[in-house]
Amino acid sequence: MSTSTPSLTQIRTQRQSSPWLWTAFSLCAITATALFFVPAFIIRPFTHQSARGLALAMNFHDHAPSVTLIAAIACFILAFALWKTVGPWRKSLLILTLLLVTFSAVMARLNYFEWMFHPITGAQFEAQSASKLDPKEMILAVRLGGEARAYPINQMAYHHVLNDVVAGVPIAVTY
């Protein structure tokens, strides 16, 4: 009975990972991260958003929760298959990619757009003469009875809604 020791070429061949595994892993990782980052990059306040870009971003955003989950699971399975065949640098790459994919899958389930808009609590008003607003600044104006209010659009754009009472009447100011 003779036992043969494997040659260096055989060992390298056994350790090499299949290129299709890396391709599949990369495509799943790109899909998962794109479904989060594309809408997050396109849909931002005060930046131009083309109709096509916005439609693309909303389509990605709508499909992101289910597709990122599928892509993340596939990435973990593929990473497990690749783990045994790669060295320490590629293992680090796998780990970093899995962290990014996990982050994307979690963020795809959150309404991160609402984080941009903080509610105005306890709005404060001052007389026009004490205001530091530029005379050219656009405002939303409300006059009820003998009272008037002005809401700067640059502030309303971030907050979108403000509850107020003008002349005893509750109002919701929105932009």
C-alpha atoms as a PDB file:
ATOM      1  CA  MET A   1       0.000   0.000   0.000  1.00  0.00           C
ATOM      2  CA  SER A   2       1.595   3.223  -1.073  1.00  0.00           C
ATOM      3  CA  THR A   3       0.501   6.659  -0.137  1.00  0.00           C
ATOM      4  CA  SER A   4       1.378   9.471  -2.419  1.00  0.00           C
ATOM      5  CA  THR A   5       1.706  13.008  -1.267  1.00  0.00           C
ATOM      6  CA  PRO A   6      -0.014  15.620  -3.352  1.00  0.00           C
ATOM      7  CA  SER A   7       2.178  17.877  -5.411  1.00  0.00           C
ATOM      8  CA  LEU A   8       2.279  21.655  -4.982  1.00  0.00           C
ATOM      9  CA  THR A   9       0.278  22.051  -8.218  1.00  0.00           C
ATOM     10  CA  GLN A  10      -2.448  19.739  -6.891  1.00  0.00           C
ATOM     11  CA  ILE A  11      -2.633  21.668  -3.621  1.00  0.00           C
ATOM     12  CA  ARG A  12      -2.930  24.985  -5.468  1.00  0.00           C
ATOM     13  CA  THR A  13      -5.597  23.536  -7.752  1.00  0.00           C
ATOM     14  CA  GLN A  14      -7.583  22.291  -4.756  1.00  0.00           C
ATOM     15  CA  ARG A  15      -7.358  25.699  -3.030  1.00  0.00           C
ATOM     16  CA  GLN A  16      -8.270  27.814  -6.050  1.00  0.00           C
ATOM     17  CA  SER A  17     -11.782  29.082  -5.997  1.00  0.00           C
ATOM     18  CA  SER A  18     -13.956  28.882  -9.021  1.00  0.00           C
ATOM     19  CA  PRO A  19     -14.165  32.126 -11.014  1.00  0.00           C
ATOM     20  CA  TRP A  20     -17.928  31.766 -11.332  1.00  0.00           C
ATOM     21  CA  LEU A  21     -18.241  31.788  -7.509  1.00  0.00           C
ATOM     22  CA  TRP A  22     -16.412  35.126  -7.395  1.00  0.00           C
ATOM     23  CA  THR A  23     -18.539  36.449 -10.257  1.00  0.00           C
ATOM     24  CA  ALA A  24     -21.772  35.382  -8.568  1.00  0.00           C
ATOM     25  CA  PHE A  25     -20.590  36.777  -5.220  1.00  0.00           C
ATOM     26  CA  SER A  26     -19.650  40.101  -6.846  1.00  0.00           C
ATOM     27  CA  LEU A  27     -22.951  40.405  -8.724  1.00  0.00           C
ATOM     28  CA  CYS A  28     -24.970  39.688  -5.569  1.00  0.00           C
ATOM     29  CA  ALA A  29     -22.920  42.206  -3.579  1.00  0.00           C
ATOM     30  CA  ILE A  30     -23.265  44.892  -6.264  1.00  0.00           C
ATOM     31  CA  THR A  31     -27.006  44.274  -6.498  1.00  0.00           C
ATOM     32  CA  ALA A  32     -27.528  44.523  -2.743  1.00  0.00           C
ATOM     33  CA  THR A  33     -25.470  47.681  -2.335  1.00  0.00           C
ATOM     34  CA  ALA A  34     -26.859  49.385  -5.456  1.00  0.00           C
ATOM     35  CA  LEU A  35     -30.436  48.874  -4.293  1.00  0.00           C
ATOM     36  CA  PHE A  36     -29.642  50.935  -1.210  1.00  0.00           C
ATOM     37  CA  PHE A  37     -27.068  53.452  -2.447  1.00  0.00           C
ATOM     38  CA  VAL A  38     -28.682  54.457  -5.779  1.00  0.00           C
ATOM     39  CA  PRO A  39     -31.911  55.778  -4.197  1.00  0.00           C
ATOM     40  CA  ALA A  40     -29.969  57.300  -1.287  1.00  0.00           C
ATOM     41  CA  PHE A  41     -27.736  59.187  -3.725  1.00  0.00           C
ATOM     42  CA  ILE A  42     -30.452  60.321  -6.157  1.00  0.00           C
ATOM     43  CA  ILE A  43     -33.194  61.294  -3.703  1.00  0.00           C
ATOM     44  CA  ARG A  44     -31.703  64.186  -1.741  1.00  0.00           C
ATOM     45  CA  PRO A  45     -33.176  67.565  -0.869  1.00  0.00           C
ATOM     46  CA  PHE A  46     -32.021  70.586  -2.844  1.00  0.00           C
ATOM     47  CA  THR A  47     -30.392  68.643  -5.658  1.00  0.00           C
ATOM     48  CA  HIS A  48     -31.624  68.223  -9.196  1.00  0.00           C
ATOM     49  CA  GLN A  49     -33.555  65.013  -9.740  1.00  0.00           C
ATOM     50  CA  SER A  50     -34.476  64.147 -13.314  1.00  0.00           C
ATOM     51  CA  ALA A  51     -37.730  62.326 -13.926  1.00  0.00           C
ATOM     52  CA  ARG A  52     -35.871  59.247 -15.200  1.00  0.00           C
ATOM     53  CA  GLY A  53     -33.436  59.267 -12.277  1.00  0.00           C
ATOM     54  CA  LEU A  54     -36.229  59.633  -9.757  1.00  0.00           C
ATOM     55  CA  ALA A  55     -38.233  56.835 -11.421  1.00  0.00           C
ATOM     56  CA  LEU A  56     -35.151  54.588 -11.293  1.00  0.00           C
ATOM     57  CA  ALA A  57     -34.487  55.452  -7.657  1.00  0.00           C
ATOM     58  CA  MET A  58     -38.085  54.805  -6.626  1.00  0.00           C
ATOM     59  CA  ASN A  59     -38.131  51.505  -8.531  1.00  0.00           C
ATOM     60  CA  PHE A  60     -34.927  50.433  -6.749  1.00  0.00           C
ATOM     61  CA  HIS A  61     -36.320  51.617  -3.416  1.00  0.00           C
ATOM     62  CA  ASP A  62     -39.571  49.670  -3.893  1.00  0.00           C
ATOM     63  CA  HIS A  63     -37.778  46.393  -4.663  1.00  0.00           C
ATOM     64  CA  ALA A  64     -34.885  46.832  -2.251  1.00  0.00           C
ATOM     65  CA  PRO A  65     -36.290  45.093   0.866  1.00  0.00           C
ATOM     66  CA  SER A  66     -36.893  41.727  -0.812  1.00  0.00           C
ATOM     67  CA  VAL A  67     -34.046  41.765  -3.343  1.00  0.00           C
ATOM     68  CA  THR A  68     -31.382  42.880  -0.841  1.00  0.00           C
ATOM     69  CA  LEU A  69     -32.423  40.060   1.482  1.00  0.00           C
ATOM     70  CA  ILE A  70     -32.111  37.488  -1.312  1.00  0.00           C
ATOM     71  CA  ALA A  71     -28.792  38.976  -2.471  1.00  0.00           C
ATOM     72  CA  ALA A  72     -27.438  39.058   1.107  1.00  0.00           C
ATOM     73  CA  ILE A  73     -28.333  35.414   1.716  1.00  0.00           C
ATOM     74  CA  ALA A  74     -26.702  34.464  -1.598  1.00  0.00           C
ATOM     75  CA  CYS A  75     -23.588  36.483  -0.653  1.00  0.00           C
ATOM     76  CA  PHE A  76     -23.271  34.674   2.668  1.00  0.00           C
ATOM     77  CA  ILE A  77     -23.660  31.252   1.013  1.00  0.00           C
ATOM     78  CA  LEU A  78     -21.119  32.129  -1.685  1.00  0.00           C
ATOM     79  CA  ALA A  79     -18.721  33.621   0.868  1.00  0.00           C
ATOM     80  CA  PHE A  80     -18.930  30.404   2.882  1.00  0.00           C
ATOM     81  CA  ALA A  81     -18.055  28.404  -0.250  1.00  0.00           C
ATOM     82  CA  LEU A  82     -15.184  30.766  -1.084  1.00  0.00           C
ATOM     83  CA  TRP A  83     -13.830  30.976   2.479  1.00  0.00           C
ATOM     84  CA  LYS A  84     -11.981  27.650   2.392  1.00  0.00           C
ATOM     85  CA  THR A  85     -10.235  28.451  -0.884  1.00  0.00           C
ATOM     86  CA  VAL A  86      -8.850  31.924  -0.257  1.00  0.00           C
ATOM     87  CA  GLY A  87      -5.991  33.454   1.666  1.00  0.00           C
ATOM     88  CA  PRO A  88      -6.154  36.080   4.421  1.00  0.00           C
ATOM     89  CA  TRP A  89      -6.379  39.120   2.113  1.00  0.00           C
ATOM     90  CA  ARG A  90      -9.332  37.742   0.211  1.00  0.00           C
ATOM     91  CA  LYS A  91     -10.958  36.687   3.477  1.00  0.00           C
ATOM     92  CA  SER A  92     -10.693  40.322   4.563  1.00  0.00           C
ATOM     93  CA  LEU A  93     -12.312  41.346   1.274  1.00  0.00           C
ATOM     94  CA  LEU A  94     -15.113  38.844   1.848  1.00  0.00           C
ATOM     95  CA  ILE A  95     -15.720  40.151   5.365  1.00  0.00           C
ATOM     96  CA  LEU A  96     -15.761  43.802   4.282  1.00  0.00           C
ATOM     97  CA  THR A  97     -18.107  43.021   1.413  1.00  0.00           C
ATOM     98  CA  LEU A  98     -20.426  41.066   3.706  1.00  0.00           C
ATOM     99  CA  LEU A  99     -20.505  44.009   6.131  1.00  0.00           C
ATOM    100  CA  LEU A 100     -21.440  46.376   3.305  1.00  0.00           C
ATOM    101  CA  VAL A 101     -24.089  43.974   2.001  1.00  0.00           C
ATOM    102  CA  THR A 102     -25.543  43.530   5.504  1.00  0.00           C
ATOM    103  CA  PHE A 103     -25.611  47.312   6.017  1.00  0.00           C
ATOM    104  CA  SER A 104     -27.390  47.746   2.676  1.00  0.00           C
ATOM    105  CA  ALA A 105     -29.945  45.032   3.465  1.00  0.00           C
ATOM    106  CA  VAL A 106     -30.746  46.611   6.839  1.00  0.00           C
ATOM    107  CA  MET A 107     -30.910  50.173   5.490  1.00  0.00           C
ATOM    108  CA  ALA A 108     -33.203  49.058   2.641  1.00  0.00           C
ATOM    109  CA  ARG A 109     -35.821  48.243   5.295  1.00  0.00           C
ATOM    110  CA  LEU A 110     -35.658  51.638   7.010  1.00  0.00           C
ATOM    111  CA  ASN A 111     -37.240  54.895   5.920  1.00  0.00           C
ATOM    112  CA  TYR A 112     -33.955  56.790   5.930  1.00  0.00           C
ATOM    113  CA  PHE A 113     -35.455  59.605   3.845  1.00  0.00           C
ATOM    114  CA  GLU A 114     -37.406  60.754   6.887  1.00  0.00           C
ATOM    115  CA  TRP A 115     -34.169  61.114   8.855  1.00  0.00           C
ATOM    116  CA  MET A 116     -33.367  64.128   6.693  1.00  0.00           C
ATOM    117  CA  PHE A 117     -36.439  65.971   7.874  1.00  0.00           C
ATOM    118  CA  HIS A 118     -36.617  66.834  11.548  1.00  0.00           C
ATOM    119  CA  PRO A 119     -39.862  68.211  12.948  1.00  0.00           C
ATOM    120  CA  ILE A 120     -39.945  71.810  14.039  1.00  0.00           C
ATOM    121  CA  THR A 121     -40.757  71.824  17.721  1.00  0.00           C
ATOM    122  CA  GLY A 122     -41.918  75.045  19.293  1.00  0.00           C
ATOM    123  CA  ALA A 123     -41.560  77.428  16.375  1.00  0.00           C
ATOM    124  CA  GLN A 124     -40.477  80.885  17.425  1.00  0.00           C
ATOM    125  CA  PHE A 125     -41.472  84.067  15.688  1.00  0.00           C
ATOM    126  CA  GLU A 126     -40.012  87.529  15.691  1.00  0.00           C
ATOM    127  CA  ALA A 127     -41.046  90.873  14.319  1.00  0.00           C
ATOM    128  CA  GLN A 128     -40.189  91.651  10.719  1.00  0.00           C
ATOM    129  CA  SER A 129     -37.856  94.425  11.847  1.00  0.00           C
ATOM    130  CA  ALA A 130     -35.875  91.966  14.021  1.00  0.00           C
ATOM    131  CA  SER A 131     -35.750  89.297  11.325  1.00  0.00           C
ATOM    132  CA  LYS A 132     -32.419  88.453   9.749  1.00  0.00           C
ATOM    133  CA  LEU A 133     -34.014  87.127   6.587  1.00  0.00           C
ATOM    134  CA  ASP A 134     -32.706  88.372   3.277  1.00  0.00           C
ATOM    135  CA  PRO A 135     -35.376  90.576   1.634  1.00  0.00           C
ATOM    136  CA  LYS A 136     -35.232  88.297  -1.434  1.00  0.00           C
ATOM    137  CA  GLU A 137     -35.820  85.107   0.554  1.00  0.00           C
ATOM    138  CA  MET A 138     -39.032  83.294  -0.310  1.00  0.00           C
ATOM    139  CA  ILE A 139     -41.566  82.703   2.450  1.00  0.00           C
ATOM    140  CA  LEU A 140     -44.909  81.059   2.994  1.00  0.00           C
ATOM    141  CA  ALA A 141     -47.286  83.637   4.434  1.00  0.00           C
ATOM    142  CA  VAL A 142     -50.504  83.154   6.395  1.00  0.00           C
ATOM    143  CA  ARG A 143     -52.868  85.888   7.542  1.00  0.00           C
ATOM    144  CA  LEU A 144     -55.895  85.052   9.660  1.00  0.00           C
ATOM    145  CA  GLY A 145     -57.897  87.706  11.468  1.00  0.00           C
ATOM    146  CA  GLY A 146     -55.432  90.281  12.722  1.00  0.00           C
ATOM    147  CA  GLU A 147     -52.438  87.915  12.897  1.00  0.00           C
ATOM    148  CA  ALA A 148     -49.883  87.088  10.252  1.00  0.00           C
ATOM    149  CA  ARG A 149     -47.048  84.577  10.097  1.00  0.00           C
ATOM    150  CA  ALA A 150     -44.208  84.053   7.651  1.00  0.00           C
ATOM    151  CA  TYR A 151     -42.413  80.734   7.288  1.00  0.00           C
ATOM    152  CA  PRO A 152     -39.061  80.739   5.428  1.00  0.00           C
ATOM    153  CA  ILE A 153     -39.108  78.203   2.623  1.00  0.00           C
ATOM    154  CA  ASN A 154     -35.479  77.242   3.210  1.00  0.00           C
ATOM    155  CA  GLN A 155     -36.518  76.010   6.684  1.00  0.00           C
ATOM    156  CA  MET A 156     -39.791  74.448   5.573  1.00  0.00           C
ATOM    157  CA  ALA A 157     -38.035  72.474   2.837  1.00  0.00           C
ATOM    158  CA  TYR A 158     -36.188  70.464   5.472  1.00  0.00           C
ATOM    159  CA  HIS A 159     -39.111  70.030   7.813  1.00  0.00           C
ATOM    160  CA  HIS A 160     -42.061  69.954   5.396  1.00  0.00           C
ATOM    161  CA  VAL A 161     -44.766  70.358   8.055  1.00  0.00           C
ATOM    162  CA  LEU A 162     -45.247  72.750  10.925  1.00  0.00           C
ATOM    163  CA  ASN A 163     -48.263  72.809  13.224  1.00  0.00           C
ATOM    164  CA  ASP A 164     -49.148  76.303  14.363  1.00  0.00           C
ATOM    165  CA  VAL A 165     -52.025  78.349  15.731  1.00  0.00           C
ATOM    166  CA  VAL A 166     -52.829  81.658  14.022  1.00  0.00           C
ATOM    167  CA  ALA A 167     -55.593  83.852  15.466  1.00  0.00           C
ATOM    168  CA  GLY A 168     -56.768  80.906  17.553  1.00  0.00           C
ATOM    169  CA  VAL A 169     -57.094  78.617  14.523  1.00  0.00           C
ATOM    170  CA  PRO A 170     -54.906  75.487  14.379  1.00  0.00           C
ATOM    171  CA  ILE A 171     -53.180  75.211  10.996  1.00  0.00           C
ATOM    172  CA  ALA A 172     -50.706  72.864   9.351  1.00  0.00           C
ATOM    173  CA  VAL A 173     -48.144  74.673   7.223  1.00  0.00           C
ATOM    174  CA  THR A 174     -46.576  72.464   4.587  1.00  0.00           C
ATOM    175  CA  TYR A 175     -44.145  72.778   1.739  1.00  0.00           C
END
